[in-house]
Amino acid sequence: MDVSSEADLKAHLMQTDEPFRQLLEQHQAYDKQLVDLEAKAHLTTEEEVEEHRLKKLKLHTKDLMVEIMNRYKTQQVG
């Protein structure tokens, strides 16, 4: 499969790679939780801690997705 752009690659992996799909869904869930928190005028200390935790989890999830994408690109070249 010739995947010419990152968006195409993500779409392809969403259809063909279950771990990638699960990571993307989790990433989107973290993003929604962050949007909900950031919509508040003021955050409690607990909410600030949760916001920081969610940002770390979201970044880690993205890193794992990038690993899968890079591994796929490498396999397509070789």
C-alpha atoms as a PDB file:
ATOM      1  CA  MET A   1       0.000   0.000   0.000  1.00  0.00           C
ATOM      2  CA  ASP A   2       1.410   3.349  -1.010  1.00  0.00           C
ATOM      3  CA  VAL A   3       0.693   5.802   1.788  1.00  0.00           C
ATOM      4  CA  SER A   4       1.650   9.253   0.579  1.00  0.00           C
ATOM      5  CA  SER A   5       0.793  11.414   3.579  1.00  0.00           C
ATOM      6  CA  GLU A   6       0.654  11.117   7.326  1.00  0.00           C
ATOM      7  CA  ALA A   7      -3.133  11.466   7.211  1.00  0.00           C
ATOM      8  CA  ASP A   8      -3.332   8.617   4.698  1.00  0.00           C
ATOM      9  CA  LEU A   9      -1.079   6.488   6.878  1.00  0.00           C
ATOM     10  CA  LYS A  10      -3.212   7.154   9.963  1.00  0.00           C
ATOM     11  CA  ALA A  11      -6.367   6.273   8.036  1.00  0.00           C
ATOM     12  CA  HIS A  12      -4.763   3.074   6.750  1.00  0.00           C
ATOM     13  CA  LEU A  13      -3.575   2.049  10.214  1.00  0.00           C
ATOM     14  CA  MET A  14      -6.994   2.818  11.710  1.00  0.00           C
ATOM     15  CA  GLN A  15      -8.434   0.206   9.344  1.00  0.00           C
ATOM     16  CA  THR A  16      -5.689  -2.397   9.563  1.00  0.00           C
ATOM     17  CA  ASP A  17      -3.950  -2.131  12.957  1.00  0.00           C
ATOM     18  CA  GLU A  18      -5.995  -2.757  16.104  1.00  0.00           C
ATOM     19  CA  PRO A  19      -3.347  -1.526  18.584  1.00  0.00           C
ATOM     20  CA  PHE A  20      -3.026   1.716  16.597  1.00  0.00           C
ATOM     21  CA  ARG A  21      -6.803   2.147  16.546  1.00  0.00           C
ATOM     22  CA  GLN A  22      -6.996   1.624  20.314  1.00  0.00           C
ATOM     23  CA  LEU A  23      -4.202   4.142  20.912  1.00  0.00           C
ATOM     24  CA  LEU A  24      -5.877   6.721  18.686  1.00  0.00           C
ATOM     25  CA  GLU A  25      -9.194   6.272  20.480  1.00  0.00           C
ATOM     26  CA  GLN A  26      -7.461   6.643  23.848  1.00  0.00           C
ATOM     27  CA  HIS A  27      -5.615   9.742  22.599  1.00  0.00           C
ATOM     28  CA  GLN A  28      -8.934  11.258  21.527  1.00  0.00           C
ATOM     29  CA  ALA A  29     -10.491  10.425  24.905  1.00  0.00           C
ATOM     30  CA  TYR A  30      -7.628  12.167  26.732  1.00  0.00           C
ATOM     31  CA  ASP A  31      -8.023  15.154  24.420  1.00  0.00           C
ATOM     32  CA  LYS A  32     -11.750  15.405  25.174  1.00  0.00           C
ATOM     33  CA  GLN A  33     -11.098  15.247  28.921  1.00  0.00           C
ATOM     34  CA  LEU A  34      -8.495  18.007  28.577  1.00  0.00           C
ATOM     35  CA  VAL A  35     -10.867  20.179  26.537  1.00  0.00           C
ATOM     36  CA  ASP A  36     -13.506  19.731  29.237  1.00  0.00           C
ATOM     37  CA  LEU A  37     -11.044  20.735  31.960  1.00  0.00           C
ATOM     38  CA  GLU A  38      -9.692  23.701  30.002  1.00  0.00           C
ATOM     39  CA  ALA A  39     -13.233  24.983  29.465  1.00  0.00           C
ATOM     40  CA  LYS A  40     -13.517  25.700  33.171  1.00  0.00           C
ATOM     41  CA  ALA A  41     -12.781  29.227  34.346  1.00  0.00           C
ATOM     42  CA  HIS A  42     -10.793  28.014  37.357  1.00  0.00           C
ATOM     43  CA  LEU A  43      -9.324  24.634  38.180  1.00  0.00           C
ATOM     44  CA  THR A  44      -9.080  23.144  41.639  1.00  0.00           C
ATOM     45  CA  THR A  45      -5.735  21.759  42.742  1.00  0.00           C
ATOM     46  CA  GLU A  46      -7.020  18.261  42.002  1.00  0.00           C
ATOM     47  CA  GLU A  47      -8.138  19.333  38.530  1.00  0.00           C
ATOM     48  CA  GLU A  48      -4.732  20.881  37.835  1.00  0.00           C
ATOM     49  CA  VAL A  49      -3.060  17.615  38.838  1.00  0.00           C
ATOM     50  CA  GLU A  50      -5.492  15.693  36.625  1.00  0.00           C
ATOM     51  CA  GLU A  51      -4.819  18.070  33.719  1.00  0.00           C
ATOM     52  CA  HIS A  52      -1.077  17.491  34.070  1.00  0.00           C
ATOM     53  CA  ARG A  53      -1.594  13.703  34.267  1.00  0.00           C
ATOM     54  CA  LEU A  54      -3.822  13.699  31.173  1.00  0.00           C
ATOM     55  CA  LYS A  55      -1.303  15.740  29.186  1.00  0.00           C
ATOM     56  CA  LYS A  56       1.434  13.208  30.023  1.00  0.00           C
ATOM     57  CA  LEU A  57      -0.802  10.270  29.102  1.00  0.00           C
ATOM     58  CA  LYS A  58      -1.864  11.931  25.857  1.00  0.00           C
ATOM     59  CA  LEU A  59       1.764  12.594  24.887  1.00  0.00           C
ATOM     60  CA  HIS A  60       2.797   9.041  25.748  1.00  0.00           C
ATOM     61  CA  THR A  61      -0.065   7.686  23.634  1.00  0.00           C
ATOM     62  CA  LYS A  62       0.995   9.878  20.721  1.00  0.00           C
ATOM     63  CA  ASP A  63       4.582   8.661  21.058  1.00  0.00           C
ATOM     64  CA  LEU A  64       3.355   5.058  20.833  1.00  0.00           C
ATOM     65  CA  MET A  65       1.312   5.875  17.721  1.00  0.00           C
ATOM     66  CA  VAL A  66       4.342   7.509  16.091  1.00  0.00           C
ATOM     67  CA  GLU A  67       6.364   4.366  16.848  1.00  0.00           C
ATOM     68  CA  ILE A  68       3.779   2.238  15.037  1.00  0.00           C
ATOM     69  CA  MET A  69       3.721   4.662  12.097  1.00  0.00           C
ATOM     70  CA  ASN A  70       7.520   4.685  11.838  1.00  0.00           C
ATOM     71  CA  ARG A  71       7.662   0.896  12.054  1.00  0.00           C
ATOM     72  CA  TYR A  72       5.075   0.664   9.239  1.00  0.00           C
ATOM     73  CA  LYS A  73       7.047   3.112   7.079  1.00  0.00           C
ATOM     74  CA  THR A  74      10.242   1.111   7.649  1.00  0.00           C
ATOM     75  CA  GLN A  75       8.525  -2.145   6.685  1.00  0.00           C
ATOM     76  CA  GLN A  76       7.198  -0.575   3.480  1.00  0.00           C
ATOM     77  CA  VAL A  77      10.652   0.599   2.435  1.00  0.00           C
ATOM     78  CA  GLY A  78      12.405  -2.689   3.164  1.00  0.00           C
END
